[in-house]
Structures are given as C-alpha cells and as structure tokens.
C-alpha cells in the first residue's frame, strides 16, 4: 500500500469567547493538538483567537516549508444552508461568503468582536425576524430574537445543513448563544479560515475541503476540513487523563484517530462523504454547505481512536 496521505494531523477546537480565556487552561477556550508522523505533541491552549490565528499560521507555514502535508480539522461548520451564500454575498458559493463575512467582522486582540452586528446585518436581508437568534437579554440587538421561537417571516433559509441533520447532536448554525451554540463560532471562525487561505506564504499551498476539491482528497500541502469532535465524545471521556480539560482530550483523541486511520490506509474514504448522499446533495455540499470529515464513517473513526488500534506497516 502507499503511505499516509498526510504527515501532520492537526485538530482545532475554536471558541467565540468575548474576552481572553483565563491564564490557567480551561474549557470552552481554543485548543489544538498536533500529531506528526504518528507522534502526538501536548495540546496547545490559546487565550485569544488572535493568538490562535498567529500560532496556526506559523505552524502551517513551517510544516509546508518542511515539505510536510497537513490535515487541519476545525470544529465549526464551514458553510451555511443552501442559498445563503448567494443571498448574503451575491456570490456563487461558500468561499464568497467567507470573504464577505471576513470583510465585516472586527475581532480584536482582546477577543471583543462585532459578531452580533454582523448577524443582525444578515438578519435584515430576510423578511420578518431571523434566521439568527440567541443573545443576552440586556444586549440591544432588536433584529436578533432571544429565543428561536420568536423568529417569523417567509423566505428564510433552511434551519440545518444536510450534515447537521445527520450528525447526532449537531446544533443549527443560526443559534448564536446559550448551551451548545455554534453560530458565533462560525462567524468568528470563517475569517480565520479566509485569512489562512489568502495568506501570502500559504496561497497556492492550501485547499479547503470540499469546496476546492469536491468530495475527494484535495491535492494540496495543507488541507482545511470541518470536523465534529463529538463523533468521538465517548472515546475522549474514556481517554481523558487525570485533571485534563475535556477540550484538551477531545483535540488530542481526534488528532490521534485521524493519524492512525491515515497510517492504516483508511483516511481517504472519509473524504468521499457518505455513500447515501444523492447527486444533488453532493452538489450542495461541495459548493455551499460543506461536510463533516468522518460523518458516515463513524465506525472506522471510532476504531482508530482506540490507542491499541494496530497501524498497518507503511
């Protein structure tokens, strides 16, 4: 068999905190784990998105300069439901929407941002109230209802992407706050992905799966992919070390699982998405919505997450 697709596997747990995370490593912050040639490094804790973007940029440039191929999995949706990109950005696909959001988001060094202003601007494009919802009661954003049931109007986009309907427990991209919300992470995460994609030292060396390649393995030194760490939630809890922050365990276990699966020759199949997808669903996924790497291949991913899993010789 041929060797692994990637030399380095990186898993990033993003955060939409509105202030720097505590100096002492904690949950609900930014963590990332690196596994290089099958050897795991200690997970890295970042207090701000600004710090994380800088460290990830340095990491990816160094890996590319060293001739290594990198898979970088980020734990937030890479796209919005079908039709949103054209409605909001006037473009044809998700990458146009990335640039539109990146051009409006102000994410400062101290983690303060204007994410609710950006969400409110998008809400104003749709009749009625919504689709974004979820904000502190004291915050004055009348275009954004506090609860999802307060939304109304016609012509609103779908509530969930195809992947969100199939991934157990996945939240809607429209929820900005409260338990399990992911909407703010998307608004504050996509500008970082856009910045990485357009960085002068990474341009031409980086690809976004599946937007740049379709549902196939991208031919690039650095591949950005959407992941969903909860696919390995049980395994992360079981492998969590004494006093280890769960977020740290999650990025570590996921990075190790992708690395093991790659070294055993099983990673390529994950880039094909689920075998149950229709041609139209594949088109929407490849242009607008994205897909979760590993969704539809949970058994293989979970088997690779077991430390004792044997790696085939390469």
Protein backbone atom coordinates (compact mmCIF):
# COMPACT_ATOMS: atom_id res chain seq x y z
CA UNK A 1 0.00 0.00 0.00
CA UNK A 2 1.05 3.60 -0.44
CA UNK A 3 1.99 5.77 2.51
CA UNK A 4 -0.26 8.08 4.54
CA UNK A 5 -1.98 10.99 2.83
CA UNK A 6 -0.67 13.44 5.43
CA UNK A 7 2.43 13.76 7.58
CA UNK A 8 0.85 16.04 10.17
CA UNK A 9 -2.68 15.96 11.59
CA UNK A 10 -3.98 18.98 13.49
CA UNK A 11 -7.34 19.32 15.27
CA UNK A 12 -8.57 22.72 16.43
CA UNK A 13 -11.31 23.44 18.97
CA UNK A 14 -12.49 27.02 18.32
CA UNK A 15 -14.15 29.47 20.71
CA UNK A 16 -16.31 32.60 20.50
CA UNK A 17 -15.39 33.95 23.95
CA UNK A 18 -15.83 37.71 24.19
CA UNK A 19 -12.82 38.17 26.49
CA UNK A 20 -9.48 36.37 26.84
CA UNK A 21 -9.66 32.91 28.33
CA UNK A 22 -8.13 32.53 31.82
CA UNK A 23 -4.38 32.16 32.14
CA UNK A 24 -4.95 28.75 33.67
CA UNK A 25 -6.09 26.36 30.91
CA UNK A 26 -9.83 25.85 31.00
CA UNK A 27 -12.75 24.53 28.96
CA UNK A 28 -14.63 26.49 26.29
CA UNK A 29 -11.42 28.03 25.03
CA UNK A 30 -9.26 27.42 21.96
CA UNK A 31 -7.23 24.23 21.99
CA UNK A 32 -5.35 22.48 19.24
CA UNK A 33 -3.43 19.22 19.02
CA UNK A 34 -0.69 18.21 16.60
CA UNK A 35 0.26 14.65 15.63
CA UNK A 36 3.31 14.50 13.34
CA UNK A 37 4.38 11.20 11.78
CA UNK A 38 2.13 9.45 14.28
CA UNK A 39 3.73 11.13 17.32
CA UNK A 40 1.40 13.31 19.39
CA UNK A 41 2.51 16.60 20.92
CA UNK A 42 0.96 18.10 24.05
CA UNK A 43 -2.24 20.03 23.21
CA UNK A 44 -1.81 23.79 22.90
CA UNK A 45 -4.02 26.27 24.77
CA UNK A 46 -4.70 29.72 23.33
CA UNK A 47 -6.29 32.55 25.28
CA UNK A 48 -7.49 34.55 22.27
CA UNK A 49 -8.44 34.00 18.64
CA UNK A 50 -5.71 36.45 17.66
CA UNK A 51 -3.12 34.26 19.37
CA UNK A 52 -4.54 31.11 17.83
CA UNK A 53 -4.54 32.54 14.31
CA UNK A 54 -0.90 33.57 14.69
CA UNK A 55 0.23 30.24 16.08
CA UNK A 56 -1.65 28.23 13.46
CA UNK A 57 -0.28 30.39 10.65
CA UNK A 58 3.25 29.85 11.92
CA UNK A 59 2.62 26.11 12.25
CA UNK A 60 1.21 25.70 8.75
CA UNK A 61 3.94 27.78 7.11
CA UNK A 62 6.64 25.78 8.94
CA UNK A 63 5.08 22.46 8.00
CA UNK A 64 4.71 23.46 4.36
CA UNK A 65 8.26 24.81 4.20
CA UNK A 66 9.49 21.49 5.60
CA UNK A 67 7.69 19.67 2.79
CA UNK A 68 5.11 18.05 5.03
CA UNK A 69 1.44 17.61 4.13
CA UNK A 70 -1.04 18.78 6.77
CA UNK A 71 -4.65 17.91 7.53
CA UNK A 72 -6.17 20.63 9.73
CA UNK A 73 -9.61 19.93 11.17
CA UNK A 74 -11.61 22.81 12.63
CA UNK A 75 -14.62 22.09 14.85
CA UNK A 76 -17.17 24.51 13.38
CA UNK A 77 -19.30 24.48 10.22
CA UNK A 78 -17.57 25.65 7.06
CA UNK A 79 -20.79 26.68 5.36
CA UNK A 80 -24.41 27.74 5.77
CA UNK A 81 -27.55 26.03 4.42
CA UNK A 82 -28.19 26.12 0.68
CA UNK A 83 -29.00 29.53 -0.76
CA UNK A 84 -27.40 31.63 1.97
CA UNK A 85 -24.12 32.34 0.16
CA UNK A 86 -25.87 33.84 -2.87
CA UNK A 87 -28.41 35.74 -0.77
CA UNK A 88 -25.86 37.32 1.54
CA UNK A 89 -22.70 37.74 -0.54
CA UNK A 90 -24.12 37.77 -4.05
CA UNK A 91 -21.53 35.12 -4.90
CA UNK A 92 -21.86 31.58 -6.11
CA UNK A 93 -20.57 29.60 -3.17
CA UNK A 94 -19.33 29.33 0.39
CA UNK A 95 -15.89 30.83 -0.25
CA UNK A 96 -17.53 34.05 -1.46
CA UNK A 97 -19.48 34.13 1.80
CA UNK A 98 -16.24 33.57 3.76
CA UNK A 99 -14.77 36.70 2.22
CA UNK A 100 -17.99 38.67 2.77
CA UNK A 101 -18.03 37.79 6.48
CA UNK A 102 -14.27 38.35 6.83
CA UNK A 103 -14.71 41.83 5.39
CA UNK A 104 -17.23 42.76 8.08
CA UNK A 105 -16.06 41.01 11.23
CA UNK A 106 -13.95 43.04 13.65
CA UNK A 107 -12.26 40.60 16.01
CA UNK A 108 -9.88 42.44 18.29
CA UNK A 109 -6.80 41.30 20.18
CA UNK A 110 -8.77 41.20 23.45
CA UNK A 111 -11.40 38.85 21.97
CA UNK A 112 -14.10 41.53 21.74
CA UNK A 113 -15.90 41.43 18.40
CA UNK A 114 -18.86 42.73 16.45
CA UNK A 115 -20.31 39.31 15.70
CA UNK A 116 -23.83 40.34 16.70
CA UNK A 117 -23.69 43.35 14.36
CA UNK A 118 -22.74 41.03 11.50
CA UNK A 119 -25.54 38.60 12.40
CA UNK A 120 -28.01 41.48 12.59
CA UNK A 121 -26.95 42.68 9.13
CA UNK A 122 -27.63 39.22 7.72
CA UNK A 123 -31.00 39.04 9.50
CA UNK A 124 -32.03 42.32 7.88
CA UNK A 125 -31.68 40.68 4.47
CA UNK A 126 -34.56 38.32 5.27
CA UNK A 127 -38.23 39.31 5.70
CA UNK A 128 -39.52 39.17 9.28
CA UNK A 129 -37.27 38.25 12.21
CA UNK A 130 -34.38 35.82 11.91
CA UNK A 131 -32.80 33.47 10.91
CA UNK A 132 -30.11 34.18 13.56
CA UNK A 133 -31.26 34.02 17.17
CA UNK A 134 -29.86 33.85 20.67
CA UNK A 135 -28.45 36.83 22.57
CA UNK A 136 -28.21 38.06 26.18
CA UNK A 137 -31.45 39.77 27.19
CA UNK A 138 -29.66 43.01 28.07
CA UNK A 139 -27.97 43.34 24.67
CA UNK A 140 -29.74 45.74 22.33
CA UNK A 141 -29.95 43.93 19.02
CA UNK A 142 -33.65 44.06 18.10
CA UNK A 143 -33.04 42.22 14.82
CA UNK A 144 -31.85 39.17 16.78
CA UNK A 145 -34.53 37.49 18.92
CA UNK A 146 -33.55 36.00 22.24
CA UNK A 147 -35.27 32.69 21.55
CA UNK A 148 -35.60 30.73 18.35
CA UNK A 149 -39.38 30.56 18.58
CA UNK A 150 -39.61 34.33 18.29
CA UNK A 151 -38.46 34.17 14.69
CA UNK A 152 -41.02 34.69 11.96
CA UNK A 153 -41.24 35.62 8.31
CA UNK A 154 -41.05 33.97 4.92
CA UNK A 155 -38.18 33.14 2.63
CA UNK A 156 -35.91 32.15 5.49
CA UNK A 157 -33.13 29.66 4.69
CA UNK A 158 -33.24 26.04 5.89
CA UNK A 159 -32.69 25.58 9.61
CA UNK A 160 -29.96 22.97 9.17
CA UNK A 161 -27.42 21.87 6.62
CA UNK A 162 -27.52 18.32 5.29
CA UNK A 163 -24.63 17.34 7.57
CA UNK A 164 -26.31 18.88 10.62
CA UNK A 165 -29.42 16.78 10.06
CA UNK A 166 -27.35 13.60 10.03
CA UNK A 167 -24.81 14.31 12.79
CA UNK A 168 -26.35 13.37 16.13
CA UNK A 169 -26.50 16.36 18.46
CA UNK A 170 -25.29 18.92 15.91
CA UNK A 171 -26.63 22.41 16.53
CA UNK A 172 -28.01 24.81 13.96
CA UNK A 173 -25.65 27.47 12.60
CA UNK A 174 -28.31 30.09 13.41
CA UNK A 175 -28.02 29.79 17.21
CA UNK A 176 -25.59 32.45 18.46
CA UNK A 177 -25.69 31.89 22.21
CA UNK A 178 -26.64 29.51 25.02
CA UNK A 179 -25.66 25.89 25.64
CA UNK A 180 -24.09 24.11 22.72
CA UNK A 181 -24.44 27.03 20.33
CA UNK A 182 -22.13 27.15 17.32
CA UNK A 183 -23.38 30.21 15.40
CA UNK A 184 -20.92 32.67 16.93
CA UNK A 185 -18.01 30.27 16.40
CA UNK A 186 -18.85 30.18 12.70
CA UNK A 187 -18.99 33.97 12.33
CA UNK A 188 -15.68 34.34 14.19
CA UNK A 189 -14.06 31.24 12.70
CA UNK A 190 -14.61 31.74 8.99
CA UNK A 191 -12.49 34.95 8.90
CA UNK A 192 -9.55 32.97 10.27
CA UNK A 193 -10.02 30.30 7.60
CA UNK A 194 -10.22 33.02 4.95
CA UNK A 195 -7.06 34.64 6.32
CA UNK A 196 -5.19 31.33 6.23
CA UNK A 197 -6.39 30.62 2.70
CA UNK A 198 -5.28 34.06 1.49
CA UNK A 199 -2.04 34.31 3.47
CA UNK A 200 0.85 35.17 1.11
CA UNK A 201 3.00 32.32 2.43
CA UNK A 202 0.17 29.79 2.15
CA UNK A 203 -1.62 30.88 -1.01
CA UNK A 204 -1.41 28.10 -3.59
CA UNK A 205 -0.39 25.58 -0.93
CA UNK A 206 -3.73 25.34 0.88
CA UNK A 207 -7.07 23.81 -0.10
CA UNK A 208 -10.47 23.81 1.57
CA UNK A 209 -12.31 20.50 1.52
CA UNK A 210 -14.74 20.02 -0.17
CA UNK A 211 -15.04 23.47 -1.78
CA UNK A 212 -11.71 23.31 -3.65
CA UNK A 213 -11.70 19.60 -4.44
CA UNK A 214 -15.21 18.25 -4.32
CA UNK A 215 -15.82 15.18 -2.17
CA UNK A 216 -12.35 13.79 -2.83
CA UNK A 217 -8.89 14.08 -1.31
CA UNK A 218 -7.53 17.57 -2.13
CA UNK A 219 -4.18 17.79 -3.87
CA UNK A 220 -2.57 20.39 -1.64
CA UNK A 221 0.10 20.59 1.05
CA UNK A 222 -2.36 21.91 3.63
CA UNK A 223 -5.99 20.81 3.71
CA UNK A 224 -8.58 22.56 5.86
CA UNK A 225 -11.58 20.39 6.76
CA UNK A 226 -14.60 20.63 9.01
CA UNK A 227 -14.73 18.11 11.83
CA UNK A 228 -17.13 17.30 14.66
CA UNK A 229 -15.23 16.15 17.78
CA UNK A 230 -18.44 14.82 19.33
CA UNK A 231 -18.21 11.87 16.94
CA UNK A 232 -15.54 10.67 19.40
CA UNK A 233 -17.09 12.06 22.57
CA UNK A 234 -17.25 8.70 24.35
CA UNK A 235 -13.66 7.92 23.42
CA UNK A 236 -12.44 11.33 24.62
CA UNK A 237 -14.10 10.87 28.00
CA UNK A 238 -12.57 7.40 28.36
CA UNK A 239 -9.06 8.57 27.40
CA UNK A 240 -9.12 11.79 29.40
CA UNK A 241 -6.14 11.93 31.75
CA UNK A 242 -6.36 12.93 35.41
CA UNK A 243 -7.18 16.66 35.71
CA UNK A 244 -7.07 17.06 31.92
CA UNK A 245 -9.51 19.59 30.48
CA UNK A 246 -12.04 17.74 28.33
CA UNK A 247 -11.41 20.07 25.37
CA UNK A 248 -7.74 19.08 25.51
CA UNK A 249 -8.63 15.40 25.50
CA UNK A 250 -11.01 15.89 22.58
CA UNK A 251 -8.50 17.56 20.27
CA UNK A 252 -5.84 15.03 21.25
CA UNK A 253 -8.03 11.97 20.69
CA UNK A 254 -9.40 13.28 17.39
CA UNK A 255 -5.95 14.15 16.02
CA UNK A 256 -4.62 10.74 17.03
CA UNK A 257 -7.61 9.00 15.45
CA UNK A 258 -7.18 10.76 12.10
CA UNK A 259 -3.46 9.99 12.19
CA UNK A 260 -3.96 6.30 12.96
CA UNK A 261 -6.66 5.93 10.35
CA UNK A 262 -4.38 7.61 7.81
CA UNK A 263 -1.43 5.38 8.64
CA UNK A 264 -3.61 2.28 8.25
CA UNK A 265 -4.83 3.41 4.83
CA UNK A 266 -8.39 4.22 5.86
CA UNK A 267 -8.49 8.01 5.74
CA UNK A 268 -9.10 8.54 2.02
CA UNK A 269 -12.60 7.06 2.21
CA UNK A 270 -13.70 9.79 4.64
CA UNK A 271 -13.13 12.48 2.02
CA UNK A 272 -15.80 10.88 -0.16
CA UNK A 273 -18.55 11.78 2.30
CA UNK A 274 -21.40 9.41 2.98
CA UNK A 275 -22.36 6.79 0.39
CA UNK A 276 -26.03 7.66 0.96
CA UNK A 277 -25.77 11.17 -0.48
CA UNK A 278 -27.71 11.96 -3.64
CA UNK A 279 -26.10 13.76 -6.56
CA UNK A 280 -27.96 16.97 -5.68
CA UNK A 281 -26.89 16.72 -2.03
CA UNK A 282 -23.29 16.26 -3.14
CA UNK A 283 -23.51 19.35 -5.32
CA UNK A 284 -24.84 21.46 -2.45
CA UNK A 285 -22.22 20.10 -0.07
CA UNK A 286 -19.36 20.73 -2.50
CA UNK A 287 -20.35 24.32 -3.24
CA UNK A 288 -22.21 25.73 -0.23
CA UNK A 289 -22.69 23.63 2.89
CA UNK A 290 -19.50 21.55 3.40
CA UNK A 291 -19.37 18.17 5.10
CA UNK A 292 -18.06 16.81 8.39
CA UNK A 293 -14.94 14.69 7.85
CA UNK A 294 -15.79 11.28 9.28
CA UNK A 295 -19.57 11.59 9.12
CA UNK A 296 -20.85 8.39 7.58
CA UNK A 297 -17.64 6.61 8.60
CA UNK A 298 -18.09 6.67 12.35
CA UNK A 299 -17.18 3.02 12.91
CA UNK A 300 -13.78 3.40 11.23
CA UNK A 301 -13.05 6.65 13.05
CA UNK A 302 -14.01 5.24 16.44
CA UNK A 303 -11.92 2.13 15.88
CA UNK A 304 -8.93 4.33 15.10
CA UNK A 305 -9.49 6.30 18.30
CA UNK A 306 -8.61 3.26 20.42
CA UNK A 307 -4.96 3.59 21.47
CA UNK A 308 -4.25 -0.08 20.97
CA UNK A 309 -5.55 0.02 17.41
CA UNK A 310 -2.94 -1.58 15.20
CA UNK A 311 -1.43 0.52 12.44
CA UNK A 312 -0.62 -1.32 9.27
CA UNK A 313 3.01 -1.03 8.19
CA UNK A 314 3.72 1.68 5.69
